[in-house]
Structures are given as C-alpha cells and as structure tokens.
C-alpha cells in the first residue's frame, strides 16, 4: 500500500502543483524592443529560446557528470529567461541553484523536475506569443 503525505497534515511537506502555468512578462519584450530595436529583439528572443530548449534535456546528465557545467548552464538559463520575460522559468532556475548549493538532493531533484515542466510550458508560451518555431 502506498501512503502519501498531505501538506495540511504535515507542515514540513510542500505540495507542488505539477500543472503550474508559465508566467510570462511581455513588458520585458517591449523593453528589449525599445532598447535594441524590434528586429534585433526578435533575434535575441529566438536565440535565447534556442539556448533554453537546447539546454533543458541535458541538465540531468550535466548534473551527474559535470556539476560545474550544470551550475553555469542554470545561471545562463536564468539570464536568458529574465531577458525575454519568462518570469516563472527564471524563478525556478534560481530555486534550482539554491537547492544545488544547499546540498539537499531530494529538493534538488524536485526543483529540477519542476524546471523541466515549467521550461517546456514557458518555451511554448513564448513561441505561441511570437509565432516562432524551432
């Protein structure tokens, strides 16, 4: 029999909503367009999305085989996400870095899984908004 803990019964358990929506900040894109121009901004968004979508499937392997590359990759992902307004993805990437630094392997596993879910939704949200494709 599988027992599951419920957060309301145990205050040390945090429930994670696996269907958490991707939060996107369109003002970041507007600011980027004003700063560098619409054409360059579109290229930057496409490049950031490419880097993020390229990195996401490699994270677990990087964590196991090259922890420094993992940290560098997450930092870059966070910067790219912030640049193009992927607010939730940037926040979760910061959470991954925090749990990595804490040495809590269970929390790290949970936040990396969350990053994977949020990353996928965030990429699709921006692609839908910008009508971009891979």
C-alpha atoms as a PDB file:
ATOM      1  CA  UNK A   1       0.000   0.000   0.000  1.00  0.00           C
ATOM      2  CA  UNK A   2       1.348   3.413  -0.988  1.00  0.00           C
ATOM      3  CA  UNK A   3       0.983   6.106   1.634  1.00  0.00           C
ATOM      4  CA  UNK A   4       1.042   9.720   0.594  1.00  0.00           C
ATOM      5  CA  UNK A   5       1.608  12.600   2.939  1.00  0.00           C
ATOM      6  CA  UNK A   6      -0.695  15.568   2.777  1.00  0.00           C
ATOM      7  CA  UNK A   7       0.676  19.044   3.321  1.00  0.00           C
ATOM      8  CA  UNK A   8      -2.120  20.092   5.657  1.00  0.00           C
ATOM      9  CA  UNK A   9      -1.263  17.188   7.962  1.00  0.00           C
ATOM     10  CA  UNK A  10       2.478  17.755   7.927  1.00  0.00           C
ATOM     11  CA  UNK A  11       3.735  21.349   7.838  1.00  0.00           C
ATOM     12  CA  UNK A  12       7.188  20.301   6.600  1.00  0.00           C
ATOM     13  CA  UNK A  13       5.759  18.988   3.320  1.00  0.00           C
ATOM     14  CA  UNK A  14       5.214  21.403   0.483  1.00  0.00           C
ATOM     15  CA  UNK A  15       2.780  20.469  -2.250  1.00  0.00           C
ATOM     16  CA  UNK A  16       3.983  21.172  -5.769  1.00  0.00           C
ATOM     17  CA  UNK A  17       1.388  21.909  -8.426  1.00  0.00           C
ATOM     18  CA  UNK A  18       2.583  19.937 -11.467  1.00  0.00           C
ATOM     19  CA  UNK A  19       0.232  21.876 -13.721  1.00  0.00           C
ATOM     20  CA  UNK A  20       1.634  25.255 -12.731  1.00  0.00           C
ATOM     21  CA  UNK A  21       1.131  27.747 -15.561  1.00  0.00           C
ATOM     22  CA  UNK A  22       4.063  29.504 -17.163  1.00  0.00           C
ATOM     23  CA  UNK A  23       4.145  33.164 -16.221  1.00  0.00           C
ATOM     24  CA  UNK A  24       5.342  35.476 -18.903  1.00  0.00           C
ATOM     25  CA  UNK A  25       6.151  39.177 -18.615  1.00  0.00           C
ATOM     26  CA  UNK A  26       5.523  40.837 -22.007  1.00  0.00           C
ATOM     27  CA  UNK A  27       6.891  44.143 -20.689  1.00  0.00           C
ATOM     28  CA  UNK A  28      10.386  42.608 -20.822  1.00  0.00           C
ATOM     29  CA  UNK A  29       9.974  42.041 -24.550  1.00  0.00           C
ATOM     30  CA  UNK A  30       8.650  45.556 -25.042  1.00  0.00           C
ATOM     31  CA  UNK A  31      11.626  46.949 -23.129  1.00  0.00           C
ATOM     32  CA  UNK A  32      14.021  44.825 -25.172  1.00  0.00           C
ATOM     33  CA  UNK A  33      12.425  46.068 -28.422  1.00  0.00           C
ATOM     34  CA  UNK A  34      12.773  49.682 -27.316  1.00  0.00           C
ATOM     35  CA  UNK A  35      16.363  49.138 -26.215  1.00  0.00           C
ATOM     36  CA  UNK A  36      17.777  47.300 -29.248  1.00  0.00           C
ATOM     37  CA  UNK A  37      15.067  47.507 -31.895  1.00  0.00           C
ATOM     38  CA  UNK A  38      12.372  45.075 -32.932  1.00  0.00           C
ATOM     39  CA  UNK A  39      14.428  43.087 -35.444  1.00  0.00           C
ATOM     40  CA  UNK A  40      17.358  42.560 -33.063  1.00  0.00           C
ATOM     41  CA  UNK A  41      14.972  41.825 -30.195  1.00  0.00           C
ATOM     42  CA  UNK A  42      13.259  39.120 -32.234  1.00  0.00           C
ATOM     43  CA  UNK A  43      16.655  37.587 -32.995  1.00  0.00           C
ATOM     44  CA  UNK A  44      17.622  37.727 -29.292  1.00  0.00           C
ATOM     45  CA  UNK A  45      14.360  36.041 -28.284  1.00  0.00           C
ATOM     46  CA  UNK A  46      14.867  33.290 -30.864  1.00  0.00           C
ATOM     47  CA  UNK A  47      18.466  32.779 -29.716  1.00  0.00           C
ATOM     48  CA  UNK A  48      17.501  32.686 -26.026  1.00  0.00           C
ATOM     49  CA  UNK A  49      14.706  30.195 -26.757  1.00  0.00           C
ATOM     50  CA  UNK A  50      17.143  28.054 -28.716  1.00  0.00           C
ATOM     51  CA  UNK A  51      19.680  28.069 -25.869  1.00  0.00           C
ATOM     52  CA  UNK A  52      16.995  27.237 -23.308  1.00  0.00           C
ATOM     53  CA  UNK A  53      15.431  24.446 -25.372  1.00  0.00           C
ATOM     54  CA  UNK A  54      18.887  23.046 -26.166  1.00  0.00           C
ATOM     55  CA  UNK A  55      19.954  23.056 -22.505  1.00  0.00           C
ATOM     56  CA  UNK A  56      16.816  21.631 -20.891  1.00  0.00           C
ATOM     57  CA  UNK A  57      17.228  17.976 -21.987  1.00  0.00           C
ATOM     58  CA  UNK A  58      20.925  17.994 -20.999  1.00  0.00           C
ATOM     59  CA  UNK A  59      20.512  19.146 -17.394  1.00  0.00           C
ATOM     60  CA  UNK A  60      20.202  15.760 -15.688  1.00  0.00           C
ATOM     61  CA  UNK A  61      23.291  14.424 -17.446  1.00  0.00           C
ATOM     62  CA  UNK A  62      25.204  17.622 -16.677  1.00  0.00           C
ATOM     63  CA  UNK A  63      24.262  17.381 -13.014  1.00  0.00           C
ATOM     64  CA  UNK A  64      25.588  13.816 -12.819  1.00  0.00           C
ATOM     65  CA  UNK A  65      28.718  14.199 -14.923  1.00  0.00           C
ATOM     66  CA  UNK A  66      29.749  17.845 -14.818  1.00  0.00           C
ATOM     67  CA  UNK A  67      28.306  19.785 -11.868  1.00  0.00           C
ATOM     68  CA  UNK A  68      30.148  22.997 -12.778  1.00  0.00           C
ATOM     69  CA  UNK A  69      28.651  22.918 -16.283  1.00  0.00           C
ATOM     70  CA  UNK A  70      25.261  22.319 -14.648  1.00  0.00           C
ATOM     71  CA  UNK A  71      25.616  25.429 -12.485  1.00  0.00           C
ATOM     72  CA  UNK A  72      26.874  27.508 -15.414  1.00  0.00           C
ATOM     73  CA  UNK A  73      24.021  26.234 -17.576  1.00  0.00           C
ATOM     74  CA  UNK A  74      21.376  27.057 -14.969  1.00  0.00           C
ATOM     75  CA  UNK A  75      22.845  30.541 -14.496  1.00  0.00           C
ATOM     76  CA  UNK A  76      22.713  31.112 -18.256  1.00  0.00           C
ATOM     77  CA  UNK A  77      19.185  29.747 -18.423  1.00  0.00           C
ATOM     78  CA  UNK A  78      18.147  32.155 -15.672  1.00  0.00           C
ATOM     79  CA  UNK A  79      19.707  35.102 -17.524  1.00  0.00           C
ATOM     80  CA  UNK A  80      18.065  34.134 -20.823  1.00  0.00           C
ATOM     81  CA  UNK A  81      14.692  33.625 -19.152  1.00  0.00           C
ATOM     82  CA  UNK A  82      14.866  37.018 -17.434  1.00  0.00           C
ATOM     83  CA  UNK A  83      15.923  38.730 -20.658  1.00  0.00           C
ATOM     84  CA  UNK A  84      12.866  37.555 -22.572  1.00  0.00           C
ATOM     85  CA  UNK A  85      10.310  37.767 -19.766  1.00  0.00           C
ATOM     86  CA  UNK A  86      10.000  34.126 -18.705  1.00  0.00           C
ATOM     87  CA  UNK A  87       9.385  35.077 -15.085  1.00  0.00           C
ATOM     88  CA  UNK A  88       8.421  31.657 -13.746  1.00  0.00           C
ATOM     89  CA  UNK A  89      11.263  29.885 -15.509  1.00  0.00           C
ATOM     90  CA  UNK A  90      13.804  32.380 -14.154  1.00  0.00           C
ATOM     91  CA  UNK A  91      12.447  31.985 -10.620  1.00  0.00           C
ATOM     92  CA  UNK A  92      12.528  28.183 -10.787  1.00  0.00           C
ATOM     93  CA  UNK A  93      16.080  28.283 -12.196  1.00  0.00           C
ATOM     94  CA  UNK A  94      17.104  30.382  -9.180  1.00  0.00           C
ATOM     95  CA  UNK A  95      15.398  27.793  -6.936  1.00  0.00           C
ATOM     96  CA  UNK A  96      17.431  25.038  -8.623  1.00  0.00           C
ATOM     97  CA  UNK A  97      20.660  26.933  -7.922  1.00  0.00           C
ATOM     98  CA  UNK A  98      19.646  27.464  -4.313  1.00  0.00           C
ATOM     99  CA  UNK A  99      18.823  23.783  -3.753  1.00  0.00           C
ATOM    100  CA  UNK A 100      22.037  22.733  -5.508  1.00  0.00           C
ATOM    101  CA  UNK A 101      24.080  24.948  -3.186  1.00  0.00           C
ATOM    102  CA  UNK A 102      22.204  23.615  -0.143  1.00  0.00           C
ATOM    103  CA  UNK A 103      23.266  20.044  -0.894  1.00  0.00           C
ATOM    104  CA  UNK A 104      19.714  18.775  -0.398  1.00  0.00           C
ATOM    105  CA  UNK A 105      19.480  16.099  -3.099  1.00  0.00           C
ATOM    106  CA  UNK A 106      15.750  15.488  -2.654  1.00  0.00           C
ATOM    107  CA  UNK A 107      14.939  19.184  -3.006  1.00  0.00           C
ATOM    108  CA  UNK A 108      17.290  19.439  -5.982  1.00  0.00           C
ATOM    109  CA  UNK A 109      15.589  16.530  -7.717  1.00  0.00           C
ATOM    110  CA  UNK A 110      12.187  18.112  -7.138  1.00  0.00           C
ATOM    111  CA  UNK A 111      13.227  21.556  -8.364  1.00  0.00           C
ATOM    112  CA  UNK A 112      14.960  20.154 -11.455  1.00  0.00           C
ATOM    113  CA  UNK A 113      11.766  18.230 -12.280  1.00  0.00           C
ATOM    114  CA  UNK A 114       9.791  21.429 -11.781  1.00  0.00           C
ATOM    115  CA  UNK A 115      12.240  23.312 -14.007  1.00  0.00           C
ATOM    116  CA  UNK A 116      11.650  20.736 -16.732  1.00  0.00           C
ATOM    117  CA  UNK A 117       7.855  21.163 -16.524  1.00  0.00           C
ATOM    118  CA  UNK A 118       7.936  24.949 -16.327  1.00  0.00           C
ATOM    119  CA  UNK A 119      10.597  25.186 -19.030  1.00  0.00           C
ATOM    120  CA  UNK A 120       8.509  23.273 -21.527  1.00  0.00           C
ATOM    121  CA  UNK A 121       5.425  25.397 -20.848  1.00  0.00           C
ATOM    122  CA  UNK A 122       7.406  28.631 -20.922  1.00  0.00           C
ATOM    123  CA  UNK A 123       9.030  27.854 -24.252  1.00  0.00           C
ATOM    124  CA  UNK A 124       5.668  27.076 -25.814  1.00  0.00           C
ATOM    125  CA  UNK A 125       4.121  30.215 -24.323  1.00  0.00           C
ATOM    126  CA  UNK A 126       6.745  32.437 -25.946  1.00  0.00           C
ATOM    127  CA  UNK A 127       6.634  30.525 -29.234  1.00  0.00           C
ATOM    128  CA  UNK A 128       2.861  30.971 -29.294  1.00  0.00           C
ATOM    129  CA  UNK A 129       3.197  34.658 -28.480  1.00  0.00           C
ATOM    130  CA  UNK A 130       5.938  35.345 -31.007  1.00  0.00           C
ATOM    131  CA  UNK A 131       4.774  32.757 -33.568  1.00  0.00           C
ATOM    132  CA  UNK A 132       8.268  31.237 -33.562  1.00  0.00           C
ATOM    133  CA  UNK A 133       9.187  27.678 -34.343  1.00  0.00           C
ATOM    134  CA  UNK A 134      12.208  25.500 -33.624  1.00  0.00           C
END
